């Protein structure tokens, strides 16, 4: 990749990482997500998981049920951050 394209890709990626990082911080502040997780590192790691699945679907053309995959990725995200159901001590069963 040339430097211009790399910069553009990083800028777009940072938009999504930043949004995820802020969302994780809000969930932590509300007592709904694991406070021991570094929000930025978590956003980068989980975002990387989602990015790679997009590559598998789009570029490698693996025949996956996209709706089912989105649901599964959402469950993995929730589990990874220790998402809790408001008003309980239970983790999200998703």
PDB file of N, CA and C in Angstrom:
ATOM      1  N   UNK A   1       0.832  -1.194   0.000  1.00  0.00           N
ATOM      2  CA  UNK A   1       0.000   0.000   0.000  1.00  0.00           C
ATOM      3  C   UNK A   1       0.874   1.253   0.000  1.00  0.00           C
ATOM      4  N   UNK A   2       0.422   2.249  -0.700  1.00  0.00           N
ATOM      5  CA  UNK A   2       1.168   3.501  -0.630  1.00  0.00           C
ATOM      6  C   UNK A   2       0.772   4.245   0.650  1.00  0.00           C
ATOM      7  N   UNK A   3       1.556   5.238   0.988  1.00  0.00           N
ATOM      8  CA  UNK A   3       1.338   5.956   2.254  1.00  0.00           C
ATOM      9  C   UNK A   3      -0.006   6.677   2.309  1.00  0.00           C
ATOM     10  N   UNK A   4      -0.494   7.175   1.176  1.00  0.00           N
ATOM     11  CA  UNK A   4      -1.785   7.870   1.168  1.00  0.00           C
ATOM     12  C   UNK A   4      -2.924   6.908   1.483  1.00  0.00           C
ATOM     13  N   UNK A   5      -2.921   5.742   0.859  1.00  0.00           N
ATOM     14  CA  UNK A   5      -3.969   4.759   1.113  1.00  0.00           C
ATOM     15  C   UNK A   5      -3.878   4.242   2.542  1.00  0.00           C
ATOM     16  N   UNK A   6      -2.652   3.999   3.006  1.00  0.00           N
ATOM     17  CA  UNK A   6      -2.456   3.544   4.392  1.00  0.00           C
ATOM     18  C   UNK A   6      -3.020   4.566   5.367  1.00  0.00           C
ATOM     19  N   UNK A   7      -2.743   5.837   5.138  1.00  0.00           N
ATOM     20  CA  UNK A   7      -3.258   6.896   6.019  1.00  0.00           C
ATOM     21  C   UNK A   7      -4.779   6.923   6.015  1.00  0.00           C
ATOM     22  N   UNK A   8      -5.364   6.769   4.834  1.00  0.00           N
ATOM     23  CA  UNK A   8      -6.825   6.769   4.735  1.00  0.00           C
ATOM     24  C   UNK A   8      -7.419   5.579   5.480  1.00  0.00           C
ATOM     25  N   UNK A   9      -6.847   4.403   5.302  1.00  0.00           N
ATOM     26  CA  UNK A   9      -7.335   3.215   5.996  1.00  0.00           C
ATOM     27  C   UNK A   9      -7.214   3.363   7.513  1.00  0.00           C
ATOM     28  N   UNK A  10      -6.108   3.916   7.970  1.00  0.00           N
ATOM     29  CA  UNK A  10      -5.923   4.129   9.406  1.00  0.00           C
ATOM     30  C   UNK A  10      -6.930   5.141   9.951  1.00  0.00           C
ATOM     31  N   UNK A  11      -7.222   6.165   9.158  1.00  0.00           N
ATOM     32  CA  UNK A  11      -8.190   7.183   9.588  1.00  0.00           C
ATOM     33  C   UNK A  11      -9.585   6.568   9.742  1.00  0.00           C
ATOM     34  N   UNK A  12      -9.993   5.779   8.767  1.00  0.00           N
ATOM     35  CA  UNK A  12     -11.303   5.128   8.835  1.00  0.00           C
ATOM     36  C   UNK A  12     -11.330   4.149   9.998  1.00  0.00           C
ATOM     37  N   UNK A  13     -10.263   3.347  10.137  1.00  0.00           N
ATOM     38  CA  UNK A  13     -10.185   2.368  11.220  1.00  0.00           C
ATOM     39  C   UNK A  13     -10.236   3.058  12.578  1.00  0.00           C
ATOM     40  N   UNK A  14      -9.544   4.184  12.716  1.00  0.00           N
ATOM     41  CA  UNK A  14      -9.522   4.907  13.992  1.00  0.00           C
ATOM     42  C   UNK A  14     -10.916   5.403  14.363  1.00  0.00           C
ATOM     43  N   UNK A  15     -11.722   5.775  13.381  1.00  0.00           N
ATOM     44  CA  UNK A  15     -13.094   6.193  13.650  1.00  0.00           C
ATOM     45  C   UNK A  15     -13.840   5.075  14.380  1.00  0.00           C
ATOM     46  N   UNK A  16     -13.741   3.844  13.872  1.00  0.00           N
ATOM     47  CA  UNK A  16     -14.453   2.719  14.470  1.00  0.00           C
ATOM     48  C   UNK A  16     -13.836   2.293  15.808  1.00  0.00           C
ATOM     49  N   UNK A  17     -12.516   2.315  15.894  1.00  0.00           N
ATOM     50  CA  UNK A  17     -11.862   1.973  17.160  1.00  0.00           C
ATOM     51  C   UNK A  17     -12.252   2.995  18.227  1.00  0.00           C
ATOM     52  N   UNK A  18     -12.240   4.271  17.861  1.00  0.00           N
ATOM     53  CA  UNK A  18     -12.605   5.324  18.812  1.00  0.00           C
ATOM     54  C   UNK A  18     -14.034   5.192  19.312  1.00  0.00           C
ATOM     55  N   UNK A  19     -14.960   4.877  18.412  1.00  0.00           N
ATOM     56  CA  UNK A  19     -16.354   4.686  18.818  1.00  0.00           C
ATOM     57  C   UNK A  19     -16.492   3.508  19.768  1.00  0.00           C
ATOM     58  N   UNK A  20     -15.816   2.416  19.444  1.00  0.00           N
ATOM     59  CA  UNK A  20     -15.883   1.228  20.305  1.00  0.00           C
ATOM     60  C   UNK A  20     -15.250   1.507  21.657  1.00  0.00           C
ATOM     61  N   UNK A  21     -14.115   2.176  21.638  1.00  0.00           N
ATOM     62  CA  UNK A  21     -13.423   2.515  22.886  1.00  0.00           C
ATOM     63  C   UNK A  21     -14.339   3.349  23.788  1.00  0.00           C
ATOM     64  N   UNK A  22     -14.988   4.342  23.226  1.00  0.00           N
ATOM     65  CA  UNK A  22     -15.882   5.197  24.012  1.00  0.00           C
ATOM     66  C   UNK A  22     -17.066   4.399  24.538  1.00  0.00           C
ATOM     67  N   UNK A  23     -17.613   3.515  23.726  1.00  0.00           N
ATOM     68  CA  UNK A  23     -18.726   2.672  24.166  1.00  0.00           C
ATOM     69  C   UNK A  23     -18.329   1.771  25.323  1.00  0.00           C
ATOM     70  N   UNK A  24     -17.140   1.205  25.241  1.00  0.00           N
ATOM     71  CA  UNK A  24     -16.643   0.342  26.320  1.00  0.00           C
ATOM     72  C   UNK A  24     -16.460   1.163  27.591  1.00  0.00           C
ATOM     73  N   UNK A  25     -15.912   2.371  27.459  1.00  0.00           N
ATOM     74  CA  UNK A  25     -15.739   3.254  28.634  1.00  0.00           C
ATOM     75  C   UNK A  25     -17.090   3.562  29.297  1.00  0.00           C
ATOM     76  N   UNK A  26     -18.103   3.846  28.477  1.00  0.00           N
ATOM     77  CA  UNK A  26     -19.435   4.148  29.032  1.00  0.00           C
ATOM     78  C   UNK A  26     -20.001   2.926  29.757  1.00  0.00           C
ATOM     79  N   UNK A  27     -19.855   1.750  29.165  1.00  0.00           N
ATOM     80  CA  UNK A  27     -20.338   0.526  29.811  1.00  0.00           C
ATOM     81  C   UNK A  27     -19.595   0.268  31.116  1.00  0.00           C
ATOM     82  N   UNK A  28     -18.288   0.519  31.129  1.00  0.00           N
ATOM     83  CA  UNK A  28     -17.509   0.355  32.357  1.00  0.00           C
ATOM     84  C   UNK A  28     -17.974   1.347  33.421  1.00  0.00           C
ATOM     85  N   UNK A  29     -18.176   2.584  33.038  1.00  0.00           N
ATOM     86  CA  UNK A  29     -18.606   3.609  33.993  1.00  0.00           C
ATOM     87  C   UNK A  29     -19.984   3.283  34.575  1.00  0.00           C
ATOM     88  N   UNK A  30     -20.811   2.624  33.782  1.00  0.00           N
ATOM     89  CA  UNK A  30     -22.142   2.236  34.247  1.00  0.00           C
ATOM     90  C   UNK A  30     -22.124   0.931  35.031  1.00  0.00           C
ATOM     91  N   UNK A  31     -20.941   0.342  35.186  1.00  0.00           N
ATOM     92  CA  UNK A  31     -20.825  -0.913  35.921  1.00  0.00           C
ATOM     93  C   UNK A  31     -21.321  -2.121  35.142  1.00  0.00           C
ATOM     94  N   UNK A  32     -21.397  -2.000  33.819  1.00  0.00           N
ATOM     95  CA  UNK A  32     -21.928  -3.083  32.998  1.00  0.00           C
ATOM     96  C   UNK A  32     -20.852  -3.911  32.293  1.00  0.00           C
ATOM     97  N   UNK A  33     -19.619  -3.405  32.278  1.00  0.00           N
ATOM     98  CA  UNK A  33     -18.522  -4.120  31.612  1.00  0.00           C
ATOM     99  C   UNK A  33     -17.326  -4.213  32.549  1.00  0.00           C
ATOM    100  N   UNK A  34     -16.501  -5.185  32.308  1.00  0.00           N
ATOM    101  CA  UNK A  34     -15.323  -5.447  33.124  1.00  0.00           C
ATOM    102  C   UNK A  34     -14.441  -4.193  33.214  1.00  0.00           C
ATOM    103  N   UNK A  35     -14.278  -3.631  34.409  1.00  0.00           N
ATOM    104  CA  UNK A  35     -13.493  -2.408  34.561  1.00  0.00           C
ATOM    105  C   UNK A  35     -11.986  -2.634  34.445  1.00  0.00           C
ATOM    106  N   UNK A  36     -11.566  -3.873  34.474  1.00  0.00           N
ATOM    107  CA  UNK A  36     -10.138  -4.178  34.391  1.00  0.00           C
ATOM    108  C   UNK A  36      -9.606  -4.175  32.961  1.00  0.00           C
ATOM    109  N   UNK A  37     -10.510  -4.120  31.986  1.00  0.00           N
ATOM    110  CA  UNK A  37     -10.081  -4.125  30.588  1.00  0.00           C
ATOM    111  C   UNK A  37      -9.645  -2.729  30.156  1.00  0.00           C
ATOM    112  N   UNK A  38      -8.574  -2.665  29.391  1.00  0.00           N
ATOM    113  CA  UNK A  38      -8.152  -1.407  28.777  1.00  0.00           C
ATOM    114  C   UNK A  38      -9.089  -1.159  27.593  1.00  0.00           C
ATOM    115  N   UNK A  39      -9.884  -0.081  27.624  1.00  0.00           N
ATOM    116  CA  UNK A  39     -10.880   0.133  26.578  1.00  0.00           C
ATOM    117  C   UNK A  39     -10.287   0.213  25.168  1.00  0.00           C
ATOM    118  N   UNK A  40      -9.163   0.871  25.020  1.00  0.00           N
ATOM    119  CA  UNK A  40      -8.561   1.009  23.680  1.00  0.00           C
ATOM    120  C   UNK A  40      -8.045  -0.328  23.173  1.00  0.00           C
ATOM    121  N   UNK A  41      -7.304  -1.040  24.000  1.00  0.00           N
ATOM    122  CA  UNK A  41      -6.780  -2.335  23.562  1.00  0.00           C
ATOM    123  C   UNK A  41      -7.914  -3.300  23.257  1.00  0.00           C
ATOM    124  N   UNK A  42      -8.963  -3.251  24.053  1.00  0.00           N
ATOM    125  CA  UNK A  42     -10.126  -4.121  23.833  1.00  0.00           C
ATOM    126  C   UNK A  42     -10.798  -3.763  22.519  1.00  0.00           C
ATOM    127  N   UNK A  43     -10.966  -2.475  22.257  1.00  0.00           N
ATOM    128  CA  UNK A  43     -11.582  -2.042  21.009  1.00  0.00           C
ATOM    129  C   UNK A  43     -10.747  -2.468  19.801  1.00  0.00           C
ATOM    130  N   UNK A  44      -9.429  -2.368  19.912  1.00  0.00           N
ATOM    131  CA  UNK A  44      -8.553  -2.779  18.814  1.00  0.00           C
ATOM    132  C   UNK A  44      -8.650  -4.283  18.587  1.00  0.00           C
ATOM    133  N   UNK A  45      -8.596  -5.060  19.660  1.00  0.00           N
ATOM    134  CA  UNK A  45      -8.628  -6.523  19.532  1.00  0.00           C
ATOM    135  C   UNK A  45      -9.966  -7.015  18.985  1.00  0.00           C
ATOM    136  N   UNK A  46     -11.067  -6.523  19.547  1.00  0.00           N
ATOM    137  CA  UNK A  46     -12.379  -6.979  19.092  1.00  0.00           C
ATOM    138  C   UNK A  46     -12.703  -6.429  17.705  1.00  0.00           C
ATOM    139  N   UNK A  47     -12.263  -5.218  17.430  1.00  0.00           N
ATOM    140  CA  UNK A  47     -12.433  -4.669  16.083  1.00  0.00           C
ATOM    141  C   UNK A  47     -11.656  -5.476  15.057  1.00  0.00           C
ATOM    142  N   UNK A  48     -10.461  -5.926  15.440  1.00  0.00           N
ATOM    143  CA  UNK A  48      -9.673  -6.772  14.549  1.00  0.00           C
ATOM    144  C   UNK A  48     -10.385  -8.078  14.235  1.00  0.00           C
ATOM    145  N   UNK A  49     -11.069  -8.621  15.216  1.00  0.00           N
ATOM    146  CA  UNK A  49     -11.844  -9.846  15.006  1.00  0.00           C
ATOM    147  C   UNK A  49     -12.928  -9.592  13.960  1.00  0.00           C
ATOM    148  N   UNK A  50     -13.634  -8.498  14.111  1.00  0.00           N
ATOM    149  CA  UNK A  50     -14.711  -8.170  13.178  1.00  0.00           C
ATOM    150  C   UNK A  50     -14.137  -7.885  11.784  1.00  0.00           C
ATOM    151  N   UNK A  51     -13.029  -7.147  11.719  1.00  0.00           N
ATOM    152  CA  UNK A  51     -12.383  -6.865  10.432  1.00  0.00           C
ATOM    153  C   UNK A  51     -12.003  -8.158   9.710  1.00  0.00           C
ATOM    154  N   UNK A  52     -11.443  -9.089  10.437  1.00  0.00           N
ATOM    155  CA  UNK A  52     -11.007 -10.335   9.822  1.00  0.00           C
ATOM    156  C   UNK A  52     -12.192 -11.156   9.323  1.00  0.00           C
ATOM    157  N   UNK A  53     -13.273 -11.167  10.068  1.00  0.00           N
ATOM    158  CA  UNK A  53     -14.475 -11.877   9.605  1.00  0.00           C
ATOM    159  C   UNK A  53     -14.992 -11.233   8.321  1.00  0.00           C
ATOM    160  N   UNK A  54     -14.927  -9.908   8.232  1.00  0.00           N
ATOM    161  CA  UNK A  54     -15.349  -9.228   7.005  1.00  0.00           C
ATOM    162  C   UNK A  54     -14.481  -9.660   5.825  1.00  0.00           C
ATOM    163  N   UNK A  55     -13.189  -9.815   6.054  1.00  0.00           N
ATOM    164  CA  UNK A  55     -12.276 -10.293   5.000  1.00  0.00           C
ATOM    165  C   UNK A  55     -12.652 -11.709   4.582  1.00  0.00           C
ATOM    166  N   UNK A  56     -12.934 -12.552   5.549  1.00  0.00           N
ATOM    167  CA  UNK A  56     -13.304 -13.939   5.263  1.00  0.00           C
ATOM    168  C   UNK A  56     -14.573 -13.996   4.419  1.00  0.00           C
ATOM    169  N   UNK A  57     -15.532 -13.162   4.744  1.00  0.00           N
ATOM    170  CA  UNK A  57     -16.797 -13.160   3.999  1.00  0.00           C
ATOM    171  C   UNK A  57     -16.626 -12.517   2.628  1.00  0.00           C
ATOM    172  N   UNK A  58     -16.011 -11.329   2.591  1.00  0.00           N
ATOM    173  CA  UNK A  58     -15.947 -10.558   1.357  1.00  0.00           C
ATOM    174  C   UNK A  58     -14.864 -11.045   0.391  1.00  0.00           C
ATOM    175  N   UNK A  59     -13.638 -11.147   0.862  1.00  0.00           N
ATOM    176  CA  UNK A  59     -12.534 -11.478  -0.029  1.00  0.00           C
ATOM    177  C   UNK A  59     -12.373 -12.970  -0.258  1.00  0.00           C
ATOM    178  N   UNK A  60     -12.531 -13.753   0.786  1.00  0.00           N
ATOM    179  CA  UNK A  60     -12.379 -15.201   0.633  1.00  0.00           C
ATOM    180  C   UNK A  60     -13.679 -15.860   0.206  1.00  0.00           C
ATOM    181  N   UNK A  61     -14.768 -15.086   0.271  1.00  0.00           N
ATOM    182  CA  UNK A  61     -16.093 -15.536  -0.160  1.00  0.00           C
ATOM    183  C   UNK A  61     -16.545 -16.835   0.516  1.00  0.00           C
ATOM    184  N   UNK A  62     -16.232 -16.918   1.816  1.00  0.00           N
ATOM    185  CA  UNK A  62     -16.715 -18.076   2.569  1.00  0.00           C
ATOM    186  C   UNK A  62     -18.232 -17.964   2.686  1.00  0.00           C
ATOM    187  N   UNK A  63     -18.944 -19.030   2.350  1.00  0.00           N
ATOM    188  CA  UNK A  63     -20.404 -18.961   2.369  1.00  0.00           C
ATOM    189  C   UNK A  63     -20.969 -19.044   3.783  1.00  0.00           C
ATOM    190  N   UNK A  64     -21.042 -17.900   4.426  1.00  0.00           N
ATOM    191  CA  UNK A  64     -21.562 -17.834   5.791  1.00  0.00           C
ATOM    192  C   UNK A  64     -22.907 -17.122   5.788  1.00  0.00           C
ATOM    193  N   UNK A  65     -23.739 -17.485   6.730  1.00  0.00           N
ATOM    194  CA  UNK A  65     -24.998 -16.786   6.947  1.00  0.00           C
ATOM    195  C   UNK A  65     -24.638 -15.482   7.666  1.00  0.00           C
ATOM    196  N   UNK A  66     -24.707 -14.375   6.956  1.00  0.00           N
ATOM    197  CA  UNK A  66     -24.258 -13.088   7.494  1.00  0.00           C
ATOM    198  C   UNK A  66     -25.036 -12.687   8.738  1.00  0.00           C
ATOM    199  N   UNK A  67     -26.340 -12.885   8.729  1.00  0.00           N
ATOM    200  CA  UNK A  67     -27.163 -12.535   9.890  1.00  0.00           C
ATOM    201  C   UNK A  67     -26.741 -13.346  11.119  1.00  0.00           C
ATOM    202  N   UNK A  68     -26.513 -14.621  10.919  1.00  0.00           N
ATOM    203  CA  UNK A  68     -26.080 -15.485  12.015  1.00  0.00           C
ATOM    204  C   UNK A  68     -24.679 -15.073  12.502  1.00  0.00           C
ATOM    205  N   UNK A  69     -23.807 -14.700  11.575  1.00  0.00           N
ATOM    206  CA  UNK A  69     -22.453 -14.284  11.955  1.00  0.00           C
ATOM    207  C   UNK A  69     -22.484 -12.983  12.749  1.00  0.00           C
ATOM    208  N   UNK A  70     -23.310 -12.036  12.352  1.00  0.00           N
ATOM    209  CA  UNK A  70     -23.423 -10.771  13.089  1.00  0.00           C
ATOM    210  C   UNK A  70     -23.905 -11.040  14.514  1.00  0.00           C
ATOM    211  N   UNK A  71     -24.907 -11.900  14.652  1.00  0.00           N
ATOM    212  CA  UNK A  71     -25.402 -12.267  15.972  1.00  0.00           C
ATOM    213  C   UNK A  71     -24.286 -12.913  16.800  1.00  0.00           C
ATOM    214  N   UNK A  72     -23.539 -13.811  16.181  1.00  0.00           N
ATOM    215  CA  UNK A  72     -22.472 -14.512  16.899  1.00  0.00           C
ATOM    216  C   UNK A  72     -21.358 -13.544  17.318  1.00  0.00           C
ATOM    217  N   UNK A  73     -20.971 -12.646  16.407  1.00  0.00           N
ATOM    218  CA  UNK A  73     -19.946 -11.654  16.753  1.00  0.00           C
ATOM    219  C   UNK A  73     -20.416 -10.761  17.898  1.00  0.00           C
ATOM    220  N   UNK A  74     -21.695 -10.406  17.894  1.00  0.00           N
ATOM    221  CA  UNK A  74     -22.241  -9.582  18.980  1.00  0.00           C
ATOM    222  C   UNK A  74     -22.157 -10.317  20.313  1.00  0.00           C
ATOM    223  N   UNK A  75     -22.452 -11.603  20.290  1.00  0.00           N
ATOM    224  CA  UNK A  75     -22.363 -12.406  21.515  1.00  0.00           C
ATOM    225  C   UNK A  75     -20.918 -12.511  21.995  1.00  0.00           C
ATOM    226  N   UNK A  76     -19.991 -12.693  21.055  1.00  0.00           N
ATOM    227  CA  UNK A  76     -18.579 -12.753  21.428  1.00  0.00           C
ATOM    228  C   UNK A  76     -18.117 -11.435  22.031  1.00  0.00           C
ATOM    229  N   UNK A  77     -18.514 -10.320  21.438  1.00  0.00           N
ATOM    230  CA  UNK A  77     -18.183  -9.001  21.952  1.00  0.00           C
ATOM    231  C   UNK A  77     -18.679  -8.852  23.390  1.00  0.00           C
ATOM    232  N   UNK A  78     -19.963  -9.151  23.597  1.00  0.00           N
ATOM    233  CA  UNK A  78     -20.572  -9.006  24.922  1.00  0.00           C
ATOM    234  C   UNK A  78     -19.847  -9.873  25.946  1.00  0.00           C
ATOM    235  N   UNK A  79     -19.546 -11.095  25.573  1.00  0.00           N
ATOM    236  CA  UNK A  79     -18.852 -12.011  26.472  1.00  0.00           C
ATOM    237  C   UNK A  79     -17.438 -11.518  26.779  1.00  0.00           C
ATOM    238  N   UNK A  80     -16.761 -11.030  25.756  1.00  0.00           N
ATOM    239  CA  UNK A  80     -15.368 -10.591  25.928  1.00  0.00           C
ATOM    240  C   UNK A  80     -15.232  -9.419  26.894  1.00  0.00           C
ATOM    241  N   UNK A  81     -16.208  -8.535  26.907  1.00  0.00           N
ATOM    242  CA  UNK A  81     -16.115  -7.379  27.812  1.00  0.00           C
ATOM    243  C   UNK A  81     -16.830  -7.620  29.132  1.00  0.00           C
ATOM    244  N   UNK A  82     -17.390  -8.826  29.295  1.00  0.00           N
ATOM    245  CA  UNK A  82     -18.077  -9.142  30.549  1.00  0.00           C
ATOM    246  C   UNK A  82     -19.362  -8.362  30.713  1.00  0.00           C
ATOM    247  N   UNK A  83     -20.049  -8.106  29.601  1.00  0.00           N
ATOM    248  CA  UNK A  83     -21.276  -7.315  29.645  1.00  0.00           C
ATOM    249  C   UNK A  83     -22.264  -7.919  30.634  1.00  0.00           C
ATOM    250  N   UNK A  84     -22.815  -7.077  31.462  1.00  0.00           N
ATOM    251  CA  UNK A  84     -23.754  -7.510  32.488  1.00  0.00           C
ATOM    252  C   UNK A  84     -25.139  -6.957  32.202  1.00  0.00           C
ATOM    253  N   UNK A  85     -26.159  -7.705  32.619  1.00  0.00           N
ATOM    254  CA  UNK A  85     -27.536  -7.269  32.477  1.00  0.00           C
ATOM    255  C   UNK A  85     -27.799  -6.216  33.546  1.00  0.00           C
ATOM    256  N   UNK A  86     -28.297  -5.037  33.174  1.00  0.00           N
ATOM    257  CA  UNK A  86     -28.554  -3.990  34.177  1.00  0.00           C
ATOM    258  C   UNK A  86     -29.480  -4.473  35.290  1.00  0.00           C
ATOM    259  N   UNK A  87     -29.140  -4.108  36.521  1.00  0.00           N
ATOM    260  CA  UNK A  87     -29.973  -4.426  37.661  1.00  0.00           C
ATOM    261  C   UNK A  87     -29.779  -5.827  38.225  1.00  0.00           C
ATOM    262  N   UNK A  88     -28.801  -6.568  37.680  1.00  0.00           N
ATOM    263  CA  UNK A  88     -28.520  -7.910  38.174  1.00  0.00           C
ATOM    264  C   UNK A  88     -27.015  -8.088  38.286  1.00  0.00           C
ATOM    265  N   UNK A  89     -26.628  -9.197  38.877  1.00  0.00           N
ATOM    266  CA  UNK A  89     -25.211  -9.549  38.895  1.00  0.00           C
ATOM    267  C   UNK A  89     -24.889 -10.541  37.795  1.00  0.00           C
ATOM    268  N   UNK A  90     -25.869 -10.837  36.955  1.00  0.00           N
ATOM    269  CA  UNK A  90     -25.704 -11.860  35.914  1.00  0.00           C
ATOM    270  C   UNK A  90     -25.083 -11.248  34.652  1.00  0.00           C
ATOM    271  N   UNK A  91     -24.247 -12.068  34.027  1.00  0.00           N
ATOM    272  CA  UNK A  91     -23.717 -11.667  32.738  1.00  0.00           C
ATOM    273  C   UNK A  91     -24.775 -11.885  31.683  1.00  0.00           C
ATOM    274  N   UNK A  92     -24.645 -11.137  30.590  1.00  0.00           N
ATOM    275  CA  UNK A  92     -25.550 -11.287  29.468  1.00  0.00           C
ATOM    276  C   UNK A  92     -25.487 -12.720  28.968  1.00  0.00           C
ATOM    277  N   UNK A  93     -26.621 -13.425  28.913  1.00  0.00           N
ATOM    278  CA  UNK A  93     -26.602 -14.824  28.491  1.00  0.00           C
ATOM    279  C   UNK A  93     -26.418 -14.988  26.990  1.00  0.00           C
ATOM    280  N   UNK A  94     -26.359 -13.889  26.260  1.00  0.00           N
ATOM    281  CA  UNK A  94     -26.228 -13.946  24.804  1.00  0.00           C
ATOM    282  C   UNK A  94     -25.031 -14.652  24.366  1.00  0.00           C
TER     283      UNK A  94
END
